[in-house]
């Protein structure tokens, strides 16, 4: 399994990748994209996870994960955001998984990725 990470902030990517590596993922399992257009051109296998910031240079807000899910309907798409869940509609919260930046430890992140949805 590969984790495709859409994150344009070098600092946020470094924090996330350090936690993933500490949690047992291998460097070759992590692929970073800074632009949504690059992710949408990528070869993503069924079973891969897409972890996406909501604010990148060529997309903004919840529409980012809607575009990803439309392009990769069979993949797990997780919104990685600094926003509070209350900022999203009930429909958005039901359709996507959310991981709040800075609100989890390594063990929580690994458990979340391995076990699926956990609000």
C-alpha atoms as a PDB file:
ATOM      1  CA  UNK A   1       0.000   0.000   0.000  1.00  0.00           C
ATOM      2  CA  UNK A   2       1.163   3.483  -0.892  1.00  0.00           C
ATOM      3  CA  UNK A   3       0.076   6.665   0.831  1.00  0.00           C
ATOM      4  CA  UNK A   4      -0.285   9.517  -1.648  1.00  0.00           C
ATOM      5  CA  UNK A   5       0.021  12.787   0.258  1.00  0.00           C
ATOM      6  CA  UNK A   6      -1.224  16.034  -1.236  1.00  0.00           C
ATOM      7  CA  UNK A   7       0.509  18.662   0.901  1.00  0.00           C
ATOM      8  CA  UNK A   8       2.223  21.811  -0.345  1.00  0.00           C
ATOM      9  CA  UNK A   9       3.734  22.812   3.009  1.00  0.00           C
ATOM     10  CA  UNK A  10       7.208  21.331   3.494  1.00  0.00           C
ATOM     11  CA  UNK A  11       6.831  21.607   7.273  1.00  0.00           C
ATOM     12  CA  UNK A  12       3.449  19.841   7.379  1.00  0.00           C
ATOM     13  CA  UNK A  13       4.745  17.093   5.077  1.00  0.00           C
ATOM     14  CA  UNK A  14       7.845  16.640   7.245  1.00  0.00           C
ATOM     15  CA  UNK A  15       5.745  16.310  10.425  1.00  0.00           C
ATOM     16  CA  UNK A  16       3.349  13.843   8.800  1.00  0.00           C
ATOM     17  CA  UNK A  17       6.046  11.754   7.118  1.00  0.00           C
ATOM     18  CA  UNK A  18       8.078  11.535  10.342  1.00  0.00           C
ATOM     19  CA  UNK A  19       5.027  10.171  12.144  1.00  0.00           C
ATOM     20  CA  UNK A  20       4.338   7.686   9.346  1.00  0.00           C
ATOM     21  CA  UNK A  21       7.951   6.485   9.296  1.00  0.00           C
ATOM     22  CA  UNK A  22       7.980   6.206  13.093  1.00  0.00           C
ATOM     23  CA  UNK A  23       4.727   4.246  12.809  1.00  0.00           C
ATOM     24  CA  UNK A  24       6.333   1.610  10.601  1.00  0.00           C
ATOM     25  CA  UNK A  25       5.709   2.825   7.086  1.00  0.00           C
ATOM     26  CA  UNK A  26       8.629   2.704   4.658  1.00  0.00           C
ATOM     27  CA  UNK A  27       9.881   5.800   2.772  1.00  0.00           C
ATOM     28  CA  UNK A  28       8.986   4.227  -0.579  1.00  0.00           C
ATOM     29  CA  UNK A  29       5.365   3.956   0.606  1.00  0.00           C
ATOM     30  CA  UNK A  30       5.037   7.755   0.825  1.00  0.00           C
ATOM     31  CA  UNK A  31       4.629   9.946  -2.242  1.00  0.00           C
ATOM     32  CA  UNK A  32       4.215  13.712  -1.894  1.00  0.00           C
ATOM     33  CA  UNK A  33       2.404  15.962  -4.332  1.00  0.00           C
ATOM     34  CA  UNK A  34       2.249  19.742  -4.001  1.00  0.00           C
ATOM     35  CA  UNK A  35      -0.335  20.289  -6.729  1.00  0.00           C
ATOM     36  CA  UNK A  36      -3.705  18.589  -7.179  1.00  0.00           C
ATOM     37  CA  UNK A  37      -3.082  18.348 -10.930  1.00  0.00           C
ATOM     38  CA  UNK A  38       0.002  16.183 -10.291  1.00  0.00           C
ATOM     39  CA  UNK A  39      -1.906  13.825  -8.009  1.00  0.00           C
ATOM     40  CA  UNK A  40      -4.698  13.458 -10.569  1.00  0.00           C
ATOM     41  CA  UNK A  41      -2.110  12.375 -13.182  1.00  0.00           C
ATOM     42  CA  UNK A  42      -0.488   9.839 -10.838  1.00  0.00           C
ATOM     43  CA  UNK A  43      -0.737   6.086 -10.967  1.00  0.00           C
ATOM     44  CA  UNK A  44      -2.783   5.249  -7.886  1.00  0.00           C
ATOM     45  CA  UNK A  45      -3.597   1.600  -7.206  1.00  0.00           C
ATOM     46  CA  UNK A  46      -6.821   0.397  -5.623  1.00  0.00           C
ATOM     47  CA  UNK A  47      -5.982  -0.040  -1.951  1.00  0.00           C
ATOM     48  CA  UNK A  48      -3.712   2.986  -1.847  1.00  0.00           C
ATOM     49  CA  UNK A  49      -4.678   5.766   0.543  1.00  0.00           C
ATOM     50  CA  UNK A  50      -4.875   9.415  -0.488  1.00  0.00           C
ATOM     51  CA  UNK A  51      -4.256  11.862   2.337  1.00  0.00           C
ATOM     52  CA  UNK A  52      -5.027  15.393   1.217  1.00  0.00           C
ATOM     53  CA  UNK A  53      -4.589  18.858   2.585  1.00  0.00           C
ATOM     54  CA  UNK A  54      -7.612  20.949   1.647  1.00  0.00           C
ATOM     55  CA  UNK A  55      -5.682  24.052   0.638  1.00  0.00           C
ATOM     56  CA  UNK A  56      -3.102  23.584  -2.116  1.00  0.00           C
ATOM     57  CA  UNK A  57      -2.036  26.023  -4.856  1.00  0.00           C
ATOM     58  CA  UNK A  58      -4.525  24.763  -7.456  1.00  0.00           C
ATOM     59  CA  UNK A  59      -7.485  23.807  -5.270  1.00  0.00           C
ATOM     60  CA  UNK A  60      -9.088  25.154  -2.134  1.00  0.00           C
ATOM     61  CA  UNK A  61     -11.426  23.793   0.503  1.00  0.00           C
ATOM     62  CA  UNK A  62     -13.568  20.671   0.637  1.00  0.00           C
ATOM     63  CA  UNK A  63     -13.797  20.712  -3.175  1.00  0.00           C
ATOM     64  CA  UNK A  64     -10.249  19.344  -3.183  1.00  0.00           C
ATOM     65  CA  UNK A  65     -11.277  15.964  -1.757  1.00  0.00           C
ATOM     66  CA  UNK A  66     -14.436  15.900  -3.893  1.00  0.00           C
ATOM     67  CA  UNK A  67     -12.239  16.231  -7.010  1.00  0.00           C
ATOM     68  CA  UNK A  68      -9.907  13.504  -5.760  1.00  0.00           C
ATOM     69  CA  UNK A  69     -12.760  11.121  -4.935  1.00  0.00           C
ATOM     70  CA  UNK A  70     -14.328  11.749  -8.338  1.00  0.00           C
ATOM     71  CA  UNK A  71     -11.022  10.863 -10.029  1.00  0.00           C
ATOM     72  CA  UNK A  72     -10.204   7.922  -7.721  1.00  0.00           C
ATOM     73  CA  UNK A  73     -13.632   6.573  -6.665  1.00  0.00           C
ATOM     74  CA  UNK A  74     -12.279   3.267  -5.334  1.00  0.00           C
ATOM     75  CA  UNK A  75      -9.628   4.754  -3.071  1.00  0.00           C
ATOM     76  CA  UNK A  76      -9.815   5.861   0.509  1.00  0.00           C
ATOM     77  CA  UNK A  77      -9.559   9.654   0.582  1.00  0.00           C
ATOM     78  CA  UNK A  78      -8.771  11.362   3.884  1.00  0.00           C
ATOM     79  CA  UNK A  79      -8.926  15.117   4.372  1.00  0.00           C
ATOM     80  CA  UNK A  80      -5.907  16.247   6.403  1.00  0.00           C
ATOM     81  CA  UNK A  81      -6.893  19.650   7.697  1.00  0.00           C
ATOM     82  CA  UNK A  82      -6.281  22.259  10.325  1.00  0.00           C
ATOM     83  CA  UNK A  83      -9.977  23.169  10.300  1.00  0.00           C
ATOM     84  CA  UNK A  84     -12.486  22.014  12.875  1.00  0.00           C
ATOM     85  CA  UNK A  85     -14.975  19.339  11.804  1.00  0.00           C
ATOM     86  CA  UNK A  86     -17.858  21.672  12.644  1.00  0.00           C
ATOM     87  CA  UNK A  87     -16.813  23.789   9.665  1.00  0.00           C
ATOM     88  CA  UNK A  88     -17.935  21.024   7.287  1.00  0.00           C
ATOM     89  CA  UNK A  89     -21.461  19.981   6.388  1.00  0.00           C
ATOM     90  CA  UNK A  90     -23.014  16.760   7.658  1.00  0.00           C
ATOM     91  CA  UNK A  91     -22.826  15.463   4.080  1.00  0.00           C
ATOM     92  CA  UNK A  92     -19.088  16.185   3.893  1.00  0.00           C
ATOM     93  CA  UNK A  93     -18.436  14.529   7.271  1.00  0.00           C
ATOM     94  CA  UNK A  94     -20.431  11.462   6.201  1.00  0.00           C
ATOM     95  CA  UNK A  95     -18.670  11.128   2.850  1.00  0.00           C
ATOM     96  CA  UNK A  96     -15.052  11.716   3.886  1.00  0.00           C
ATOM     97  CA  UNK A  97     -12.726  10.873   6.708  1.00  0.00           C
ATOM     98  CA  UNK A  98     -11.004  13.778   8.418  1.00  0.00           C
ATOM     99  CA  UNK A  99      -7.694  13.878  10.214  1.00  0.00           C
ATOM    100  CA  UNK A 100      -7.123  17.102  12.143  1.00  0.00           C
ATOM    101  CA  UNK A 101      -3.531  18.355  11.896  1.00  0.00           C
ATOM    102  CA  UNK A 102      -1.691  18.344  15.196  1.00  0.00           C
ATOM    103  CA  UNK A 103      -4.474  16.488  17.017  1.00  0.00           C
ATOM    104  CA  UNK A 104      -3.001  12.985  16.956  1.00  0.00           C
ATOM    105  CA  UNK A 105       0.019  10.993  18.037  1.00  0.00           C
ATOM    106  CA  UNK A 106       1.881   8.473  15.878  1.00  0.00           C
ATOM    107  CA  UNK A 107       0.042   5.457  17.316  1.00  0.00           C
ATOM    108  CA  UNK A 108      -3.321   7.143  16.688  1.00  0.00           C
ATOM    109  CA  UNK A 109      -2.343   7.920  13.086  1.00  0.00           C
ATOM    110  CA  UNK A 110      -1.259   4.346  12.361  1.00  0.00           C
ATOM    111  CA  UNK A 111      -4.398   2.929  13.969  1.00  0.00           C
ATOM    112  CA  UNK A 112      -6.559   5.354  11.985  1.00  0.00           C
ATOM    113  CA  UNK A 113      -4.891   4.413   8.689  1.00  0.00           C
ATOM    114  CA  UNK A 114      -4.992   0.683   9.391  1.00  0.00           C
ATOM    115  CA  UNK A 115      -8.520   0.465  10.763  1.00  0.00           C
ATOM    116  CA  UNK A 116     -10.471   2.924   8.691  1.00  0.00           C
ATOM    117  CA  UNK A 117     -12.979   5.555   9.604  1.00  0.00           C
ATOM    118  CA  UNK A 118     -12.854   6.820  13.155  1.00  0.00           C
ATOM    119  CA  UNK A 119     -14.406  10.175  13.949  1.00  0.00           C
END
